Amino acid sequence: MSTEVLPDRIALRSGRRARALVQMAAHDLDVLVLGRQANVRYVTGAPQLWVAGTRPFGPTCVLVRETGAIHLLSTWDEGIPDDIPHENLYGISWNPTNTIAALARIDGAATARRVGTDAMSPLFAQLLPMAFPNAELVDGELAMRAARAIKTAEEVAALRSSVAVAEAALAAAVDALTDGVSEQTLTGVLMEAMTAGGVSTPANQDVSWVTSREHPWRRAVGNGRVHSGDLVAFSAGVLAGGYVAEVGRTYPVGSRPGAAGLYRRWDALWEKLAGVCRPGAACSELLSAYGEAGEPLPPVPVAHGLGLGFDPPVVSPQLPDTAAAERLEPGMVLSLTGYVFEPGVGAVFGREAVLITDDGHEVLTTSPFPAGS
């Protein structure tokens, strides 16, 4: 396997960049200053391996609407697309005034009227006006959310590839599911298969767990091993080429009285959720689908966008007004969660990747549920 750091393909990055520029125009932004890594990669197509981990906001990328020029914080050329010239790179500095000086030299900085940023810190709230002296600083994350919510054809292809790796890893873990196996072993099998598929970065850490028979949305209290009669949930998430894929399934170990009825309830819930997945539907209808199926809402988002991270829309019981205000559009790719619980039996958890199409939807995940469930 090649270890060379390569930029995203030109069709992928140019399509995303075009969407960002359209949204800059729609939000009347002359310049966009980005610090969040998913946004930076969306615009530049450059994976930045040295910025892993939590860090404060910093102006990592600058996109100028009038020229389409990209200026990027980078200490080397490796992995930088050839449409970002060397002279448009500015280096890391412990002194933030050096960074501000680099931004001030960008063509268009002095004349920009509105500059959007995807985040802010108290320090850069004071310093950025020095780089853009005639500009009003506004929220640029709104433009990036609008751009990232709708996937280009190249992005959908990238997500399909990521989903394929996640499903292969899930299948390997399911094959290892036996009475007595530990949850850690199942996680290790899934991670090993994921790495064999060319992906070394998981999208989540909680990979497998025995569902509780006493409390919804809790894992079983025990010795960390699987036993006959358990319902075992798997959540396979991978980050492949920057794109997140998620697939969830629940498998029984041996027989469990009441499990078949629980799976039928999940099927009925999924039918309601899938029926909402059409252009123009209010995202709040996904929340209503639980009530229509006679199931309580889960404490986690029912749906969120897949892409370069956790994309819009986010459909959560904790954000009902947001869900009511947003609508599904062609090109959105959702991670859609179904969850049902029965005391004394356990829970059935399922998560699908769903593409909203012009006339409905397409389920991108193909992993089966247990036969006869």
Protein backbone atom coordinates (compact mmCIF):
# COMPACT_ATOMS: atom_id res chain seq x y z
CA MET A 1 0.00 0.00 0.00
CA SER A 2 1.32 3.43 -0.87
CA THR A 3 2.26 5.65 2.07
CA GLU A 4 2.50 8.78 -0.06
CA VAL A 5 0.25 11.62 1.10
CA LEU A 6 -1.95 12.43 -1.88
CA PRO A 7 -4.56 15.16 -2.35
CA ASP A 8 -8.16 14.30 -3.14
CA ARG A 9 -8.91 13.68 -6.80
CA ILE A 10 -9.36 16.82 -8.88
CA ALA A 11 -13.00 16.10 -9.76
CA LEU A 12 -13.81 15.59 -6.07
CA ARG A 13 -12.11 18.71 -4.77
CA SER A 14 -13.13 20.99 -7.65
CA GLY A 15 -16.80 20.02 -7.31
CA ARG A 16 -16.75 20.77 -3.60
CA ARG A 17 -14.90 24.06 -4.14
CA ALA A 18 -17.49 25.15 -6.69
CA ARG A 19 -20.26 24.52 -4.15
CA ALA A 20 -18.38 26.55 -1.54
CA LEU A 21 -18.02 29.48 -3.94
CA VAL A 22 -21.73 29.36 -4.80
CA GLN A 23 -22.60 29.53 -1.11
CA MET A 24 -20.14 32.35 -0.56
CA ALA A 25 -22.06 34.32 -3.19
CA ALA A 26 -25.40 33.37 -1.64
CA HIS A 27 -24.21 34.57 1.79
CA ASP A 28 -22.46 37.65 0.34
CA LEU A 29 -18.99 36.65 1.54
CA ASP A 30 -15.92 38.10 -0.16
CA VAL A 31 -13.49 35.95 1.82
CA LEU A 32 -13.92 32.73 3.80
CA VAL A 33 -11.49 31.94 6.63
CA LEU A 34 -11.61 28.29 7.71
CA GLY A 35 -10.15 26.54 10.74
CA ARG A 36 -12.22 23.38 11.08
CA GLN A 37 -10.39 20.52 9.43
CA ALA A 38 -13.38 19.05 7.59
CA ASN A 39 -14.09 22.47 6.07
CA VAL A 40 -10.43 22.95 5.15
CA ARG A 41 -10.30 19.61 3.36
CA TYR A 42 -13.63 20.26 1.67
CA VAL A 43 -12.26 23.40 0.03
CA THR A 44 -8.62 22.41 -0.53
CA GLY A 45 -8.63 18.64 -1.01
CA ALA A 46 -5.47 18.48 1.09
CA PRO A 47 -5.29 15.98 3.99
CA GLN A 48 -3.36 17.65 6.81
CA LEU A 49 -1.86 14.89 8.92
CA TRP A 50 -0.18 17.15 11.46
CA VAL A 51 -3.33 18.67 12.94
CA ALA A 52 -4.88 15.59 14.58
CA GLY A 53 -6.42 16.15 18.00
CA THR A 54 -8.23 18.94 19.75
CA ARG A 55 -6.93 22.44 19.13
CA PRO A 56 -8.21 26.01 19.25
CA PHE A 57 -9.36 27.92 16.20
CA GLY A 58 -6.69 29.08 13.80
CA PRO A 59 -6.98 30.52 10.25
CA THR A 60 -5.87 27.42 8.34
CA CYS A 61 -7.37 28.18 4.93
CA VAL A 62 -8.51 31.33 3.13
CA LEU A 63 -10.78 31.23 0.06
CA VAL A 64 -11.20 34.42 -1.99
CA ARG A 65 -14.49 34.51 -3.90
CA GLU A 66 -13.50 36.95 -6.65
CA THR A 67 -10.46 34.97 -7.82
CA GLY A 68 -11.19 31.51 -6.43
CA ALA A 69 -7.67 31.56 -4.96
CA ILE A 70 -6.91 29.32 -1.99
CA HIS A 71 -4.29 30.17 0.63
CA LEU A 72 -3.33 27.37 2.99
CA LEU A 73 -1.41 26.95 6.22
CA SER A 74 1.22 24.32 5.44
CA THR A 75 4.91 23.76 6.09
CA TRP A 76 5.51 21.59 3.02
CA ASP A 77 4.20 20.76 -0.45
CA GLU A 78 3.52 17.05 0.03
CA GLY A 79 -0.19 16.29 -0.36
CA ILE A 80 -0.97 19.82 -1.54
CA PRO A 81 -2.96 19.94 -4.81
CA ASP A 82 -1.12 21.50 -7.72
CA ASP A 83 -3.88 24.10 -8.11
CA ILE A 84 -2.71 25.65 -4.82
CA PRO A 85 0.65 27.21 -5.80
CA HIS A 86 3.62 27.23 -3.43
CA GLU A 87 3.41 30.99 -3.01
CA ASN A 88 -0.10 30.56 -1.57
CA LEU A 89 1.20 28.52 1.37
CA TYR A 90 1.97 30.19 4.68
CA GLY A 91 3.80 28.49 7.53
CA ILE A 92 3.05 27.72 11.15
CA SER A 93 4.15 30.38 13.62
CA TRP A 94 4.06 30.59 17.40
CA ASN A 95 3.52 34.32 16.99
CA PRO A 96 -0.04 34.88 15.72
CA THR A 97 0.84 38.32 14.39
CA ASN A 98 3.04 36.59 11.79
CA THR A 99 0.00 34.62 10.64
CA ILE A 100 -2.07 37.81 10.47
CA ALA A 101 0.68 39.45 8.41
CA ALA A 102 0.53 36.54 5.95
CA LEU A 103 -3.24 36.91 5.65
CA ALA A 104 -2.96 40.67 5.12
CA ARG A 105 -0.73 40.07 2.07
CA ILE A 106 -3.45 38.02 0.30
CA ASP A 107 -4.86 39.73 -2.79
CA GLY A 108 -8.33 40.93 -1.88
CA ALA A 109 -7.79 41.04 1.88
CA ALA A 110 -7.56 44.83 2.07
CA THR A 111 -10.70 45.43 0.00
CA ALA A 112 -12.94 42.66 1.35
CA ARG A 113 -16.27 43.92 2.71
CA ARG A 114 -17.57 40.74 4.39
CA VAL A 115 -15.32 38.01 5.74
CA GLY A 116 -16.82 34.80 7.10
CA THR A 117 -15.12 32.47 9.56
CA ASP A 118 -16.24 28.96 10.50
CA ALA A 119 -15.20 29.49 14.13
CA MET A 120 -13.62 32.14 16.31
CA SER A 121 -11.53 32.64 19.44
CA PRO A 122 -11.11 35.76 21.59
CA LEU A 123 -7.56 36.20 20.30
CA PHE A 124 -8.41 36.06 16.61
CA ALA A 125 -11.51 38.19 17.15
CA GLN A 126 -9.01 40.92 17.96
CA LEU A 127 -6.41 40.03 15.32
CA LEU A 128 -8.43 39.23 12.17
CA PRO A 129 -9.58 42.87 11.67
CA MET A 130 -5.89 43.69 11.21
CA ALA A 131 -5.76 41.34 8.20
CA PHE A 132 -9.10 42.52 6.78
CA PRO A 133 -9.27 46.18 7.82
CA ASN A 134 -12.36 47.15 5.79
CA ALA A 135 -14.42 44.02 6.41
CA GLU A 136 -17.27 43.02 8.65
CA LEU A 137 -16.56 39.64 10.29
CA VAL A 138 -19.57 37.31 10.09
CA ASP A 139 -20.47 33.65 10.62
CA GLY A 140 -19.09 31.69 7.65
CA GLU A 141 -20.07 28.28 8.99
CA LEU A 142 -23.59 28.78 7.63
CA ALA A 143 -22.22 28.89 4.08
CA MET A 144 -20.10 25.79 4.68
CA ARG A 145 -23.02 23.87 6.15
CA ALA A 146 -25.15 24.68 3.13
CA ALA A 147 -22.35 23.60 0.77
CA ARG A 148 -21.57 20.35 2.57
CA ALA A 149 -25.17 19.26 3.08
CA ILE A 150 -25.62 18.37 -0.61
CA LYS A 151 -23.11 15.87 -1.96
CA THR A 152 -21.63 15.99 -5.43
CA ALA A 153 -21.64 12.83 -7.55
CA GLU A 154 -17.94 12.35 -6.74
CA GLU A 155 -18.68 12.62 -3.03
CA VAL A 156 -21.41 9.98 -3.27
CA ALA A 157 -18.90 7.68 -4.97
CA ALA A 158 -16.41 8.33 -2.16
CA LEU A 159 -19.08 7.53 0.42
CA ARG A 160 -19.95 4.28 -1.37
CA SER A 161 -16.30 3.23 -1.09
CA SER A 162 -16.23 4.12 2.58
CA VAL A 163 -19.45 2.21 3.24
CA ALA A 164 -17.98 -0.87 1.53
CA VAL A 165 -15.02 -0.87 3.95
CA ALA A 166 -17.32 -0.46 6.96
CA GLU A 167 -19.55 -3.31 5.85
CA ALA A 168 -16.61 -5.64 5.22
CA ALA A 169 -15.32 -4.90 8.72
CA LEU A 170 -18.78 -5.47 10.19
CA ALA A 171 -19.07 -8.83 8.42
CA ALA A 172 -15.75 -9.97 9.88
CA ALA A 173 -16.86 -9.08 13.40
CA VAL A 174 -20.21 -10.85 12.97
CA ASP A 175 -18.37 -13.98 11.80
CA ALA A 176 -16.41 -13.92 15.07
CA LEU A 177 -19.57 -13.68 17.23
CA THR A 178 -19.78 -16.78 19.43
CA ASP A 179 -20.78 -17.66 22.98
CA GLY A 180 -17.95 -16.60 25.28
CA VAL A 181 -16.16 -14.16 22.99
CA SER A 182 -15.28 -10.82 24.55
CA GLU A 183 -16.51 -7.46 23.34
CA GLN A 184 -12.84 -6.42 23.06
CA THR A 185 -12.09 -9.31 20.75
CA LEU A 186 -15.01 -8.41 18.49
CA THR A 187 -13.78 -4.81 18.39
CA GLY A 188 -10.28 -6.01 17.52
CA VAL A 189 -11.56 -8.22 14.69
CA LEU A 190 -13.54 -5.33 13.22
CA MET A 191 -10.59 -2.95 13.47
CA GLU A 192 -8.23 -5.50 11.89
CA ALA A 193 -10.61 -6.02 8.96
CA MET A 194 -11.03 -2.28 8.56
CA THR A 195 -7.26 -1.81 8.42
CA ALA A 196 -6.95 -4.64 5.91
CA GLY A 197 -9.41 -2.68 3.78
CA GLY A 198 -6.98 0.22 3.69
CA VAL A 199 -8.49 2.35 6.46
CA SER A 200 -6.65 2.90 9.73
CA THR A 201 -8.96 5.54 11.25
CA PRO A 202 -12.23 4.46 12.91
CA ALA A 203 -15.10 6.91 13.04
CA ASN A 204 -16.19 5.74 16.48
CA GLN A 205 -14.72 3.83 19.42
CA ASP A 206 -17.72 1.91 20.76
CA VAL A 207 -17.83 -0.92 18.22
CA SER A 208 -19.66 -3.81 19.89
CA TRP A 209 -21.67 -4.26 23.06
CA VAL A 210 -24.19 -6.56 24.67
CA THR A 211 -27.48 -4.67 24.91
CA SER A 212 -29.03 -4.33 28.36
CA ARG A 213 -32.20 -6.25 29.16
CA GLU A 214 -33.08 -3.84 31.98
CA HIS A 215 -32.58 -0.35 30.60
CA PRO A 216 -32.85 1.15 27.09
CA TRP A 217 -29.68 2.67 25.65
CA ARG A 218 -27.37 1.02 28.12
CA ARG A 219 -24.95 -1.78 27.60
CA ALA A 220 -25.31 -4.90 29.72
CA VAL A 221 -23.48 -4.97 33.03
CA GLY A 222 -21.28 -8.04 33.11
CA ASN A 223 -17.81 -9.39 32.49
CA GLY A 224 -17.50 -7.97 28.99
CA ARG A 225 -18.18 -11.33 27.35
CA VAL A 226 -21.00 -12.48 25.12
CA HIS A 227 -23.31 -15.24 26.35
CA SER A 228 -26.05 -17.30 24.79
CA GLY A 229 -29.29 -15.35 24.60
CA ASP A 230 -27.61 -11.95 24.31
CA LEU A 231 -28.46 -9.41 21.66
CA VAL A 232 -25.15 -7.91 20.51
CA ALA A 233 -25.05 -4.54 18.76
CA PHE A 234 -22.32 -3.57 16.28
CA SER A 235 -21.52 -0.04 15.15
CA ALA A 236 -18.99 -0.02 12.33
CA GLY A 237 -17.73 3.45 11.48
CA VAL A 238 -14.77 4.24 9.25
CA LEU A 239 -13.07 7.40 8.03
CA ALA A 240 -11.88 6.58 4.50
CA GLY A 241 -10.38 9.32 2.37
CA GLY A 242 -11.86 11.82 4.80
CA TYR A 243 -15.40 10.44 4.35
CA VAL A 244 -17.30 8.90 7.25
CA ALA A 245 -19.38 5.76 6.77
CA GLU A 246 -21.55 4.20 9.46
CA VAL A 247 -23.45 0.94 9.58
CA GLY A 248 -25.14 -0.63 12.60
CA ARG A 249 -26.58 -4.09 13.16
CA THR A 250 -27.72 -6.27 16.07
CA TYR A 251 -27.18 -10.03 16.14
CA PRO A 252 -28.51 -12.60 18.61
CA VAL A 253 -26.29 -15.24 20.16
CA GLY A 254 -28.30 -18.42 20.12
CA SER A 255 -32.01 -18.03 20.75
CA ARG A 256 -33.69 -15.42 22.87
CA PRO A 257 -37.43 -15.51 23.63
CA GLY A 258 -39.05 -12.33 22.35
CA ALA A 259 -36.20 -11.43 20.00
CA ALA A 260 -38.15 -12.20 16.83
CA GLY A 261 -40.91 -9.81 17.87
CA LEU A 262 -38.33 -7.13 18.64
CA TYR A 263 -36.86 -7.47 15.14
CA ARG A 264 -40.35 -7.18 13.65
CA ARG A 265 -40.83 -3.94 15.59
CA TRP A 266 -37.55 -2.65 14.16
CA ASP A 267 -38.74 -3.52 10.65
CA ALA A 268 -41.97 -1.60 11.24
CA LEU A 269 -40.01 1.40 12.55
CA TRP A 270 -37.67 1.31 9.58
CA GLU A 271 -40.61 1.26 7.17
CA LYS A 272 -41.85 4.51 8.76
CA LEU A 273 -38.38 6.11 8.67
CA ALA A 274 -37.76 5.08 5.06
CA GLY A 275 -41.13 6.49 4.06
CA VAL A 276 -39.97 9.94 5.15
CA CYS A 277 -36.78 9.80 3.05
CA ARG A 278 -37.92 11.83 0.08
CA PRO A 279 -37.16 15.33 -1.23
CA GLY A 280 -39.10 18.08 0.48
CA ALA A 281 -39.90 16.13 3.64
CA ALA A 282 -39.40 18.07 6.87
CA CYS A 283 -36.65 16.53 8.97
CA SER A 284 -39.05 16.56 11.92
CA GLU A 285 -41.01 13.82 10.13
CA LEU A 286 -38.14 11.47 10.98
CA LEU A 287 -38.80 12.18 14.66
CA SER A 288 -42.54 11.70 14.14
CA ALA A 289 -41.86 8.32 12.52
CA TYR A 290 -40.91 6.89 15.90
CA GLY A 291 -44.25 7.92 17.40
CA GLU A 292 -46.15 6.57 14.39
CA ALA A 293 -44.40 3.22 14.90
CA GLY A 294 -45.25 3.30 18.61
CA GLU A 295 -41.61 3.58 19.67
CA PRO A 296 -40.04 6.12 22.04
CA LEU A 297 -37.47 8.50 20.60
CA PRO A 298 -33.83 7.62 21.28
CA PRO A 299 -31.55 10.02 23.21
CA VAL A 300 -29.17 10.22 20.24
CA PRO A 301 -29.77 11.88 16.86
CA VAL A 302 -32.20 9.92 14.72
CA ALA A 303 -30.28 11.11 11.66
CA HIS A 304 -27.30 13.18 10.69
CA GLY A 305 -25.53 13.89 7.44
CA LEU A 306 -22.58 11.80 6.30
CA GLY A 307 -19.63 13.32 4.49
CA LEU A 308 -16.38 14.85 5.66
CA GLY A 309 -17.45 14.38 9.25
CA PHE A 310 -20.77 15.06 10.97
CA ASP A 311 -22.65 16.96 8.25
CA PRO A 312 -26.05 18.68 8.15
CA PRO A 313 -28.82 18.00 8.71
CA VAL A 314 -28.77 16.92 12.37
CA VAL A 315 -32.14 15.48 13.40
CA SER A 316 -32.31 15.11 17.17
CA PRO A 317 -35.10 14.95 19.75
CA GLN A 318 -33.19 17.67 21.61
CA LEU A 319 -33.46 20.04 18.61
CA PRO A 320 -37.10 19.80 17.49
CA ASP A 321 -37.30 23.36 16.13
CA THR A 322 -34.17 22.83 14.02
CA ALA A 323 -35.60 19.58 12.63
CA ALA A 324 -38.89 21.29 11.78
CA ALA A 325 -37.09 24.08 9.91
CA GLU A 326 -34.91 21.82 7.75
CA ARG A 327 -36.01 19.75 4.78
CA LEU A 328 -34.50 16.80 2.98
CA GLU A 329 -32.99 17.59 -0.41
CA PRO A 330 -31.63 15.46 -3.26
CA GLY A 331 -27.95 14.80 -2.69
CA MET A 332 -28.11 14.57 1.09
CA VAL A 333 -26.63 11.40 2.57
CA LEU A 334 -27.99 10.47 5.99
CA SER A 335 -26.87 8.15 8.74
CA LEU A 336 -30.31 6.99 9.88
CA THR A 337 -30.78 5.16 13.19
CA GLY A 338 -33.55 2.79 14.21
CA TYR A 339 -33.68 1.54 17.81
CA VAL A 340 -36.24 -0.55 19.71
CA PHE A 341 -36.08 -2.00 23.22
CA GLU A 342 -38.02 -4.57 25.20
CA PRO A 343 -37.45 -5.14 28.95
CA GLY A 344 -36.20 -8.64 29.61
CA VAL A 345 -35.18 -9.10 25.96
CA GLY A 346 -32.75 -6.33 25.04
CA ALA A 347 -32.48 -3.92 22.14
CA VAL A 348 -32.23 -4.02 18.37
CA PHE A 349 -30.08 -1.27 16.91
CA GLY A 350 -29.73 -0.63 13.19
CA ARG A 351 -28.04 2.19 11.30
CA GLU A 352 -28.23 2.73 7.54
CA ALA A 353 -26.59 5.14 5.10
CA VAL A 354 -29.33 6.65 2.94
CA LEU A 355 -28.95 8.85 -0.15
CA ILE A 356 -31.86 11.21 -0.88
CA THR A 357 -32.54 11.07 -4.63
CA ASP A 358 -34.66 13.18 -6.97
CA ASP A 359 -37.66 10.90 -6.52
CA GLY A 360 -37.08 9.15 -3.20
CA HIS A 361 -34.05 7.51 -1.64
CA GLU A 362 -31.42 4.81 -2.05
CA VAL A 363 -30.08 2.77 0.87
CA LEU A 364 -26.31 2.61 0.40
CA THR A 365 -25.75 -0.02 3.08
CA THR A 366 -26.42 -3.64 2.15
CA SER A 367 -25.37 -5.59 5.29
CA PRO A 368 -28.07 -8.14 6.16
CA PHE A 369 -29.89 -8.50 9.42
CA PRO A 370 -29.95 -11.98 10.98
CA ALA A 371 -31.89 -14.55 8.98
CA GLY A 372 -35.35 -15.08 10.38
CA SER A 373 -35.22 -11.96 12.50
